[in-house]
Amino acid sequence: MLLLLLSPAWTGCRGESPRPPTGPPPPPPTITGLSISGNLTLTSIGETSQLTLTASFSDNTTKDVTAGAKWYTDNTTVVTVSAGGLLRVVGFGIATVGIASVPPNPGATQRVTATPSGTFVIGGVVREPGAGWLASTLVVDTLSGLSATTNSGGQFTLAALPRLPYLKVAKDGYEPIEVRVTESGVDLPIQRVIRLIAGETVTPTKLAPNGLSYTVGSTRCSPCLLIRVVVPRLGTLHVRVTSVLKLRLFAEGQVVTGGTDTELIADVPINAPREVVMYLGVAPASTGNGKTAFTFETSMR
């Protein structure tokens, strides 16, 4: 018994190294990224595409994790995707398919387009700057006559277009716009109609940093609002605008910039009863990244 107890020390005396202490096992590798691959450009109703989800791990390895993924699509009128990642076209348009992010694991998305071969497809959103997305808004391609109505999130798609479109956007109570599209994704801001009769004062929609841009003569006004003033008689239309930022007013060829950060004054000669269209924007030297409230006051002299 004594010999057994002493044998480790005796063995060490023979020059053999003792065993290092055993520590805890290394942590398992974690997912650092997900990627989706497969055919994402489809051309016919009923066409399918098998998607593959690949996970990248912290130990620089990768693994196909398609089978265990929870797939989704943001537009089931265009494509569906099965639990095994099989994509199927049910209508023409644009959709996003993906895997939702579940912390600490990342998510992944891919854009899918479905339109007949040789045609174009576009998608986009219609919004009111500073207010949000606009549902039930008509979007028409004036070249082909094709149209779509925005969903509850302000989104729309137009497919089977013979060429990139020229879009007209119309909604009751909003200024219509027309835009030539040069790419497949488009952002379409529109503003509420601001109309008053000379002598009235309004505090309308705030100027938002992501608002509309107008070209007035050779000058770009952005962010900018279009304001309509109905003038019932001859005289001088007096305009006073107050705001926390220095603003700039375009009116009948005049460009008037506020003399202070709080007030802008303009006088517009009126030679016949009519509607005067003006544009109000933030002056180039002004600073500010939030919504800008203002009061627009009119009177006749």
Protein backbone atom coordinates (compact mmCIF):
# COMPACT_ATOMS: atom_id res chain seq x y z
CA MET A 1 0.00 0.00 0.00
CA LEU A 2 2.78 2.33 0.84
CA LEU A 3 4.47 1.55 -2.44
CA LEU A 4 1.31 2.57 -4.41
CA LEU A 5 1.07 5.90 -2.64
CA LEU A 6 4.63 6.77 -3.36
CA SER A 7 4.70 5.49 -6.91
CA PRO A 8 3.64 8.80 -8.63
CA ALA A 9 6.48 10.70 -7.00
CA TRP A 10 8.85 7.88 -7.73
CA THR A 11 7.75 7.84 -11.35
CA GLY A 12 8.33 11.59 -11.61
CA CYS A 13 11.84 11.06 -10.46
CA ARG A 14 12.38 9.00 -13.58
CA GLY A 15 11.99 12.25 -15.70
CA GLU A 16 8.36 11.87 -16.89
CA SER A 17 6.29 15.09 -17.04
CA PRO A 18 3.23 15.30 -14.82
CA ARG A 19 -0.14 15.61 -16.56
CA PRO A 20 -1.39 19.20 -16.93
CA PRO A 21 -4.47 20.11 -14.95
CA THR A 22 -7.74 19.58 -16.84
CA GLY A 23 -9.72 22.85 -17.44
CA PRO A 24 -13.31 23.43 -18.60
CA PRO A 25 -14.05 22.55 -22.25
CA PRO A 26 -14.00 25.45 -24.76
CA PRO A 27 -17.40 27.08 -25.44
CA PRO A 28 -19.23 25.89 -28.56
CA PRO A 29 -18.90 28.13 -31.65
CA THR A 30 -21.55 30.79 -32.10
CA ILE A 31 -23.34 31.94 -35.26
CA THR A 32 -21.78 35.11 -36.65
CA GLY A 33 -23.82 35.44 -39.84
CA LEU A 34 -26.51 33.96 -42.06
CA SER A 35 -26.73 34.09 -45.85
CA ILE A 36 -29.49 33.08 -48.28
CA SER A 37 -28.69 31.74 -51.73
CA GLY A 38 -30.79 30.46 -54.63
CA ASN A 39 -32.50 31.78 -57.74
CA LEU A 40 -34.12 35.07 -56.73
CA THR A 41 -35.10 36.31 -60.21
CA LEU A 42 -38.16 34.42 -61.42
CA THR A 43 -40.24 34.82 -64.57
CA SER A 44 -43.44 32.75 -64.38
CA ILE A 45 -46.35 31.98 -62.06
CA GLY A 46 -45.80 28.63 -60.35
CA GLU A 47 -42.02 28.71 -60.80
CA THR A 48 -40.08 27.44 -57.79
CA SER A 49 -36.60 27.94 -56.40
CA GLN A 50 -34.93 26.03 -53.60
CA LEU A 51 -33.34 28.46 -51.16
CA THR A 52 -30.36 27.55 -49.01
CA LEU A 53 -29.56 29.13 -45.65
CA THR A 54 -25.90 28.96 -44.68
CA ALA A 55 -24.66 29.79 -41.19
CA SER A 56 -21.16 31.11 -40.52
CA PHE A 57 -19.65 30.32 -37.10
CA SER A 58 -17.10 31.96 -34.85
CA ASP A 59 -14.63 29.12 -35.51
CA ASN A 60 -14.61 29.99 -39.25
CA THR A 61 -16.77 27.01 -40.23
CA THR A 62 -20.05 27.05 -42.18
CA LYS A 63 -23.10 24.80 -42.14
CA ASP A 64 -26.28 24.38 -44.18
CA VAL A 65 -29.10 25.17 -41.72
CA THR A 66 -31.96 25.40 -44.24
CA ALA A 67 -34.07 22.66 -42.71
CA GLY A 68 -34.21 24.13 -39.23
CA ALA A 69 -34.99 27.70 -40.30
CA LYS A 70 -38.23 29.62 -39.84
CA TRP A 71 -38.76 31.34 -43.20
CA TYR A 72 -41.00 34.32 -43.91
CA THR A 73 -42.02 36.55 -46.81
CA ASP A 74 -43.33 40.10 -46.57
CA ASN A 75 -45.58 39.74 -49.62
CA THR A 76 -47.52 36.49 -49.91
CA THR A 77 -49.30 37.77 -53.02
CA VAL A 78 -45.98 37.47 -54.87
CA VAL A 79 -44.20 34.46 -53.32
CA THR A 80 -44.62 31.82 -50.66
CA VAL A 81 -41.80 29.95 -48.95
CA SER A 82 -42.13 26.54 -47.29
CA ALA A 83 -40.58 25.34 -44.03
CA GLY A 84 -37.85 23.69 -46.09
CA GLY A 85 -37.01 26.88 -48.00
CA LEU A 86 -38.87 26.14 -51.24
CA LEU A 87 -39.83 29.44 -52.88
CA ARG A 88 -42.89 29.53 -55.15
CA VAL A 89 -44.20 32.39 -57.33
CA VAL A 90 -47.92 33.07 -56.91
CA GLY A 91 -48.01 36.53 -58.54
CA PHE A 92 -45.76 39.04 -60.26
CA GLY A 93 -44.04 41.71 -58.21
CA ILE A 94 -41.31 42.20 -55.61
CA ALA A 95 -41.04 40.56 -52.21
CA THR A 96 -38.55 40.02 -49.43
CA VAL A 97 -37.87 36.55 -48.03
CA GLY A 98 -35.84 35.95 -44.95
CA ILE A 99 -35.10 34.58 -41.53
CA ALA A 100 -36.05 36.75 -38.58
CA SER A 101 -33.33 37.81 -36.16
CA VAL A 102 -33.60 36.08 -32.79
CA PRO A 103 -30.91 37.54 -30.49
CA PRO A 104 -28.15 36.64 -30.13
CA ASN A 105 -28.48 35.06 -33.59
CA PRO A 106 -28.61 37.41 -36.62
CA GLY A 107 -31.28 37.38 -39.32
CA ALA A 108 -30.99 37.36 -43.10
CA THR A 109 -33.06 38.69 -46.00
CA GLN A 110 -33.04 38.61 -49.80
CA ARG A 111 -35.07 40.48 -52.40
CA VAL A 112 -37.09 38.39 -54.86
CA THR A 113 -38.41 39.69 -58.18
CA ALA A 114 -41.02 37.97 -60.35
CA THR A 115 -41.91 39.36 -63.77
CA PRO A 116 -42.16 37.87 -67.29
CA SER A 117 -38.89 37.58 -69.16
CA GLY A 118 -37.97 40.81 -70.97
CA THR A 119 -40.12 43.04 -68.74
CA PHE A 120 -39.43 45.29 -65.77
CA VAL A 121 -40.66 45.16 -62.18
CA ILE A 122 -40.47 47.97 -59.62
CA GLY A 123 -41.47 48.33 -55.99
CA GLY A 124 -41.64 51.23 -53.61
CA VAL A 125 -43.41 53.12 -50.86
CA VAL A 126 -45.64 56.17 -50.76
CA ARG A 127 -45.30 58.30 -47.63
CA GLU A 128 -46.16 61.63 -46.09
CA PRO A 129 -42.93 63.18 -44.78
CA GLY A 130 -42.95 63.42 -41.02
CA ALA A 131 -46.19 61.43 -40.74
CA GLY A 132 -45.63 57.92 -42.12
CA TRP A 133 -46.69 55.50 -44.83
CA LEU A 134 -49.82 56.14 -46.91
CA ALA A 135 -52.22 53.26 -47.57
CA SER A 136 -54.83 53.07 -50.36
CA THR A 137 -52.87 55.40 -52.65
CA LEU A 138 -53.13 54.94 -56.40
CA VAL A 139 -49.85 54.62 -58.33
CA VAL A 140 -50.17 54.65 -62.14
CA ASP A 141 -47.58 54.10 -64.85
CA THR A 142 -48.66 56.68 -67.41
CA LEU A 143 -46.67 54.93 -70.17
CA SER A 144 -48.32 51.50 -69.94
CA GLY A 145 -51.50 52.29 -68.02
CA LEU A 146 -50.66 49.66 -65.38
CA SER A 147 -51.53 50.64 -61.82
CA ALA A 148 -51.31 49.48 -58.22
CA THR A 149 -52.70 50.57 -54.86
CA THR A 150 -50.49 50.79 -51.79
CA ASN A 151 -51.05 48.39 -48.90
CA SER A 152 -51.33 49.28 -45.21
CA GLY A 153 -47.57 49.86 -45.08
CA GLY A 154 -47.59 52.22 -48.06
CA GLN A 155 -45.93 49.59 -50.28
CA PHE A 156 -46.71 48.80 -53.91
CA THR A 157 -45.27 46.81 -56.80
CA LEU A 158 -45.74 47.02 -60.56
CA ALA A 159 -44.65 44.12 -62.76
CA ALA A 160 -44.69 43.13 -66.44
CA LEU A 161 -43.75 46.70 -67.40
CA PRO A 162 -42.53 47.07 -71.01
CA ARG A 163 -40.07 49.78 -69.87
CA LEU A 164 -39.12 51.66 -66.72
CA PRO A 165 -42.22 53.70 -65.90
CA TYR A 166 -43.28 57.31 -65.48
CA LEU A 167 -45.33 57.22 -62.30
CA LYS A 168 -48.22 59.38 -61.23
CA VAL A 169 -49.27 59.23 -57.58
CA ALA A 170 -52.70 60.48 -56.52
CA LYS A 171 -54.63 60.51 -53.24
CA ASP A 172 -57.52 62.70 -52.14
CA GLY A 173 -56.31 65.62 -50.05
CA TYR A 174 -52.71 65.35 -51.28
CA GLU A 175 -50.76 67.08 -54.02
CA PRO A 176 -50.32 64.68 -56.98
CA ILE A 177 -46.79 64.02 -58.17
CA GLU A 178 -45.26 62.58 -61.34
CA VAL A 179 -41.87 60.86 -61.27
CA ARG A 180 -39.71 59.21 -63.94
CA VAL A 181 -38.32 55.98 -62.49
CA THR A 182 -34.74 54.95 -63.23
CA GLU A 183 -34.34 52.00 -60.82
CA SER A 184 -36.35 49.13 -59.40
CA GLY A 185 -36.87 50.64 -55.96
CA VAL A 186 -38.56 54.02 -55.50
CA ASP A 187 -39.44 56.30 -52.59
CA LEU A 188 -42.46 58.53 -53.27
CA PRO A 189 -43.13 61.30 -50.73
CA ILE A 190 -46.31 63.33 -51.22
CA GLN A 191 -47.67 66.25 -49.20
CA ARG A 192 -51.08 67.28 -48.03
CA VAL A 193 -52.74 70.09 -49.97
CA ILE A 194 -52.15 73.40 -48.17
CA ARG A 195 -54.66 75.92 -49.51
CA LEU A 196 -55.89 79.11 -47.86
CA ILE A 197 -57.70 82.30 -48.86
CA ALA A 198 -55.80 85.58 -48.58
CA GLY A 199 -56.46 86.94 -45.11
CA GLU A 200 -56.23 83.54 -43.45
CA THR A 201 -53.50 82.10 -41.21
CA VAL A 202 -52.58 78.43 -41.07
CA THR A 203 -50.18 76.22 -39.15
CA PRO A 204 -49.88 73.32 -41.60
CA THR A 205 -47.83 70.16 -41.86
CA LYS A 206 -44.35 70.55 -40.42
CA LEU A 207 -41.33 70.67 -42.68
CA ALA A 208 -39.61 67.29 -42.30
CA PRO A 209 -35.92 66.54 -43.05
CA ASN A 210 -36.95 63.72 -45.42
CA GLY A 211 -39.53 65.91 -47.15
CA LEU A 212 -40.14 66.78 -50.76
CA SER A 213 -37.81 68.54 -53.15
CA TYR A 214 -39.05 71.05 -55.71
CA THR A 215 -37.10 72.78 -58.44
CA VAL A 216 -38.23 76.40 -58.65
CA GLY A 217 -36.66 78.08 -61.67
CA SER A 218 -33.05 76.98 -61.42
CA THR A 219 -33.07 76.58 -57.63
CA ARG A 220 -33.71 73.43 -55.66
CA CYS A 221 -35.90 73.82 -52.60
CA SER A 222 -35.46 70.92 -50.16
CA PRO A 223 -37.07 70.07 -47.85
CA CYS A 224 -39.94 72.08 -49.23
CA LEU A 225 -43.72 72.51 -49.13
CA LEU A 226 -46.07 73.75 -51.84
CA ILE A 227 -48.61 76.29 -50.56
CA ARG A 228 -51.61 77.59 -52.51
CA VAL A 229 -53.08 80.99 -51.68
CA VAL A 230 -56.39 81.97 -53.29
CA VAL A 231 -56.37 85.75 -53.87
CA PRO A 232 -59.91 87.09 -54.66
CA ARG A 233 -58.97 90.67 -55.63
CA LEU A 234 -56.23 92.95 -56.94
CA GLY A 235 -53.71 94.43 -54.57
CA THR A 236 -50.65 93.23 -52.68
CA LEU A 237 -50.59 89.87 -50.95
CA HIS A 238 -48.66 90.26 -47.71
CA VAL A 239 -47.10 87.07 -46.31
CA ARG A 240 -45.58 86.64 -42.87
CA VAL A 241 -44.01 83.33 -41.85
CA THR A 242 -42.74 82.58 -38.35
CA SER A 243 -40.62 79.60 -37.37
CA VAL A 244 -37.74 78.59 -35.12
CA LEU A 245 -35.55 78.16 -38.25
CA LYS A 246 -34.63 80.59 -40.99
CA LEU A 247 -36.90 79.80 -43.95
CA ARG A 248 -36.94 80.71 -47.64
CA LEU A 249 -40.04 81.55 -49.73
CA PHE A 250 -40.38 81.27 -53.50
CA ALA A 251 -43.31 83.36 -54.76
CA GLU A 252 -44.00 84.57 -58.32
CA GLY A 253 -40.32 84.90 -59.22
CA GLN A 254 -39.31 86.30 -55.84
CA VAL A 255 -36.95 84.44 -53.51
CA VAL A 256 -37.22 85.81 -49.97
CA THR A 257 -35.09 84.56 -47.09
CA GLY A 258 -36.00 85.32 -43.49
CA GLY A 259 -34.08 88.21 -42.02
CA THR A 260 -34.08 86.55 -38.61
CA ASP A 261 -34.42 82.99 -37.40
CA THR A 262 -38.07 83.61 -36.53
CA GLU A 263 -39.68 85.79 -39.20
CA LEU A 264 -39.97 86.05 -42.99
CA ILE A 265 -41.85 88.84 -44.77
CA ALA A 266 -42.85 88.94 -48.47
CA ASP A 267 -45.15 91.15 -50.57
CA VAL A 268 -46.53 89.77 -53.84
CA PRO A 269 -48.26 92.09 -56.38
CA ILE A 270 -51.61 90.69 -57.59
CA ASN A 271 -52.89 91.99 -60.93
CA ALA A 272 -55.89 89.64 -61.21
CA PRO A 273 -57.88 87.35 -58.90
CA ARG A 274 -56.18 83.93 -58.95
CA GLU A 275 -54.46 81.20 -57.03
CA VAL A 276 -50.84 81.95 -56.18
CA VAL A 277 -48.55 78.94 -55.83
CA MET A 278 -45.65 79.38 -53.40
CA TYR A 279 -42.87 77.12 -52.14
CA LEU A 280 -41.56 77.29 -48.59
CA GLY A 281 -38.35 75.58 -47.52
CA VAL A 282 -35.54 75.70 -45.03
CA ALA A 283 -32.87 78.28 -45.92
CA PRO A 284 -29.51 76.71 -46.90
CA ALA A 285 -27.64 78.18 -43.90
CA SER A 286 -30.18 76.92 -41.37
CA THR A 287 -29.32 74.00 -39.14
CA GLY A 288 -31.67 71.48 -37.62
CA ASN A 289 -32.50 67.82 -38.12
CA GLY A 290 -36.00 67.61 -36.72
CA LYS A 291 -39.50 68.54 -37.87
CA THR A 292 -39.95 72.29 -38.22
CA ALA A 293 -43.28 73.87 -37.29
CA PHE A 294 -44.24 77.22 -38.80
CA THR A 295 -47.15 79.64 -39.07
CA PHE A 296 -48.13 81.05 -42.47
CA GLU A 297 -50.05 84.34 -42.21
CA THR A 298 -51.58 86.22 -45.15
CA SER A 299 -53.35 89.56 -45.62
CA MET A 300 -54.26 91.93 -48.47
CA ARG A 301 -52.99 95.48 -48.80
